[in-house]
Amino acid sequence: MRQADIAVYDRDHDMQLVAEVQGRVGASQEWVREIRSNLLAAKAIPLTPYFLLAMPDAFYLWTPASHGDPAAPPAYRIDAREALAPYIRGFEDSLETINPYSLQLLVSSWLQDLAFSDPIREPSRNAGWLVESGLYQAIRRGSVDVDVAV
């Protein structure tokens, strides 16, 4: 049985994104690609249109364009501090020292809010990748599950 740290579904309950949460900071592009490749090779995660590797300093997103290529680099690298800024105000720990379970909670909250946010008409510099990648539309009005068997 496969286990996903976070699974995100569309409104029809089709899985659109699997997110893997790692506590590592400052990972190289090679390490990032290798993690996804190893997870896919071991069939530890399902092959979904989107894959998000969430780490304390960066989120890496693979899109449907790399769906069939386990060695593909991520299409986007997003600053985790910017994405999670609204969730870490008043938080005692920095993202660099946060434990993986707390990071998983922050990322799942962010994805849940994203799924139920108002339509993004004119994305800001920080959110443009959400629309450009198709992720925003893919998970809009969907659902988020944490630590789920997939």
Protein backbone atom coordinates (compact mmCIF):
# COMPACT_ATOMS: atom_id res chain seq x y z
CA MET A 1 0.00 0.00 0.00
CA ARG A 2 1.22 3.48 -0.85
CA GLN A 3 1.09 6.38 1.57
CA ALA A 4 0.98 10.07 0.63
CA ASP A 5 1.96 12.85 3.00
CA ILE A 6 -0.70 14.98 1.32
CA ALA A 7 -3.10 14.12 -1.50
CA VAL A 8 -5.18 16.77 -3.24
CA TYR A 9 -8.27 15.93 -5.28
CA ASP A 10 -10.35 17.89 -7.75
CA ARG A 11 -14.07 18.50 -7.24
CA ASP A 12 -14.83 15.08 -8.83
CA HIS A 13 -12.50 13.40 -6.30
CA ASP A 14 -9.85 12.54 -8.89
CA MET A 15 -6.37 12.81 -7.40
CA GLN A 16 -4.53 15.74 -8.96
CA LEU A 17 -1.54 16.25 -6.69
CA VAL A 18 0.59 14.28 -4.27
CA ALA A 19 2.86 16.22 -1.95
CA GLU A 20 5.88 14.79 -0.20
CA VAL A 21 7.09 16.78 2.81
CA GLN A 22 10.80 16.66 3.63
CA GLY A 23 12.67 18.46 6.41
CA ARG A 24 15.82 19.06 4.37
CA VAL A 25 16.99 22.63 3.71
CA GLY A 26 19.20 23.68 0.79
CA ALA A 27 18.72 20.60 -1.39
CA SER A 28 20.45 20.48 -4.76
CA GLN A 29 18.48 20.15 -8.01
CA GLU A 30 19.99 16.68 -8.43
CA TRP A 31 18.75 15.56 -5.00
CA VAL A 32 15.29 16.98 -5.68
CA ARG A 33 14.99 15.10 -9.00
CA GLU A 34 16.34 11.93 -7.40
CA ILE A 35 13.74 11.97 -4.60
CA ARG A 36 10.85 12.11 -7.08
CA SER A 37 12.45 9.51 -9.33
CA ASN A 38 13.02 7.12 -6.42
CA LEU A 39 9.46 7.55 -5.11
CA LEU A 40 8.04 6.81 -8.56
CA ALA A 41 10.39 3.85 -9.19
CA ALA A 42 9.47 2.29 -5.85
CA LYS A 43 5.80 2.99 -6.57
CA ALA A 44 5.71 4.70 -3.19
CA ILE A 45 3.46 7.40 -4.62
CA PRO A 46 0.88 7.29 -7.38
CA LEU A 47 1.60 8.95 -10.70
CA THR A 48 -0.55 12.08 -10.58
CA PRO A 49 -0.68 15.11 -12.87
CA TYR A 50 1.09 17.24 -10.24
CA PHE A 51 3.76 16.38 -7.68
CA LEU A 52 4.92 18.79 -4.98
CA LEU A 53 8.08 18.28 -2.98
CA ALA A 54 7.67 20.60 0.01
CA MET A 55 10.71 21.52 2.06
CA PRO A 56 11.20 24.28 4.65
CA ASP A 57 12.94 26.62 2.21
CA ALA A 58 11.40 25.69 -1.15
CA PHE A 59 8.54 23.95 -2.87
CA TYR A 60 9.28 22.07 -6.09
CA LEU A 61 6.38 21.43 -8.46
CA TRP A 62 6.20 18.97 -11.34
CA THR A 63 3.38 19.48 -13.82
CA PRO A 64 1.54 17.24 -16.30
CA ALA A 65 4.25 18.04 -18.88
CA SER A 66 6.70 15.83 -16.93
CA HIS A 67 4.09 13.20 -16.07
CA GLY A 68 5.81 10.30 -17.82
CA ASP A 69 9.44 11.24 -17.17
CA PRO A 70 10.71 10.19 -13.73
CA ALA A 71 14.02 12.02 -14.29
CA ALA A 72 12.39 15.34 -15.26
CA PRO A 73 13.41 18.39 -13.26
CA PRO A 74 10.68 20.33 -11.48
CA ALA A 75 8.87 22.92 -13.57
CA TYR A 76 8.76 25.40 -10.68
CA ARG A 77 10.76 26.27 -7.59
CA ILE A 78 8.76 28.36 -5.15
CA ASP A 79 10.05 30.13 -2.06
CA ALA A 80 8.31 28.32 0.82
CA ARG A 81 8.63 31.35 3.09
CA GLU A 82 6.60 33.46 0.67
CA ALA A 83 3.95 30.79 0.11
CA LEU A 84 3.56 30.09 3.82
CA ALA A 85 3.98 33.66 5.11
CA PRO A 86 0.34 34.02 6.23
CA TYR A 87 0.59 30.75 8.17
CA ILE A 88 3.80 31.42 10.08
CA ARG A 89 3.11 34.84 11.57
CA GLY A 90 3.71 34.55 15.28
CA PHE A 91 5.13 31.07 14.83
CA GLU A 92 7.92 30.43 17.30
CA ASP A 93 10.06 28.22 15.08
CA SER A 94 11.55 29.31 11.79
CA LEU A 95 10.74 27.19 8.76
CA GLU A 96 14.36 26.02 8.70
CA THR A 97 14.02 24.43 12.16
CA ILE A 98 10.39 23.31 11.98
CA ASN A 99 9.68 19.63 12.48
CA PRO A 100 8.31 17.74 9.45
CA TYR A 101 4.88 17.18 11.03
CA SER A 102 4.36 20.89 11.61
CA LEU A 103 5.54 21.63 8.08
CA GLN A 104 3.08 19.06 6.77
CA LEU A 105 0.27 20.81 8.65
CA LEU A 106 1.28 24.20 7.23
CA VAL A 107 1.49 22.87 3.67
CA SER A 108 -1.85 21.05 3.92
CA SER A 109 -3.49 24.21 5.30
CA TRP A 110 -2.03 26.24 2.43
CA LEU A 111 -3.30 23.72 -0.14
CA GLN A 112 -6.75 23.60 1.48
CA ASP A 113 -7.00 27.38 1.43
CA LEU A 114 -5.79 27.42 -2.17
CA ALA A 115 -8.49 24.95 -3.19
CA PHE A 116 -11.19 27.14 -1.67
CA SER A 117 -9.83 30.61 -2.40
CA ASP A 118 -11.62 33.09 -4.59
CA PRO A 119 -10.69 32.83 -8.26
CA ILE A 120 -7.30 34.31 -9.03
CA ARG A 121 -8.01 36.86 -11.75
CA GLU A 122 -4.73 38.72 -11.84
CA PRO A 123 -2.10 36.67 -10.06
CA SER A 124 0.53 38.48 -8.09
CA ARG A 125 4.21 37.89 -8.74
CA ASN A 126 4.12 35.28 -5.95
CA ALA A 127 1.03 33.43 -7.22
CA GLY A 128 1.50 33.58 -10.99
CA TRP A 129 2.95 30.08 -11.06
CA LEU A 130 -0.30 28.69 -9.60
CA VAL A 131 -2.31 29.79 -12.63
CA GLU A 132 0.46 29.27 -15.19
CA SER A 133 1.05 25.66 -14.08
CA GLY A 134 -2.67 24.83 -14.10
CA LEU A 135 -2.51 23.69 -10.47
CA TYR A 136 -4.95 26.31 -9.22
CA GLN A 137 -7.66 25.24 -11.65
CA ALA A 138 -6.91 21.52 -11.17
CA ILE A 139 -7.58 21.58 -7.42
CA ARG A 140 -10.18 24.34 -7.28
CA ARG A 141 -13.09 23.29 -5.04
CA GLY A 142 -11.36 19.99 -4.37
CA SER A 143 -10.27 18.37 -1.12
CA VAL A 144 -7.06 17.72 0.78
CA ASP A 145 -6.17 14.57 2.73
CA VAL A 146 -3.15 14.19 5.01
CA ASP A 147 -1.29 10.90 5.64
CA VAL A 148 -3.57 9.01 3.32
CA ALA A 149 -3.28 5.56 1.78
CA VAL A 150 -3.40 5.97 -1.99
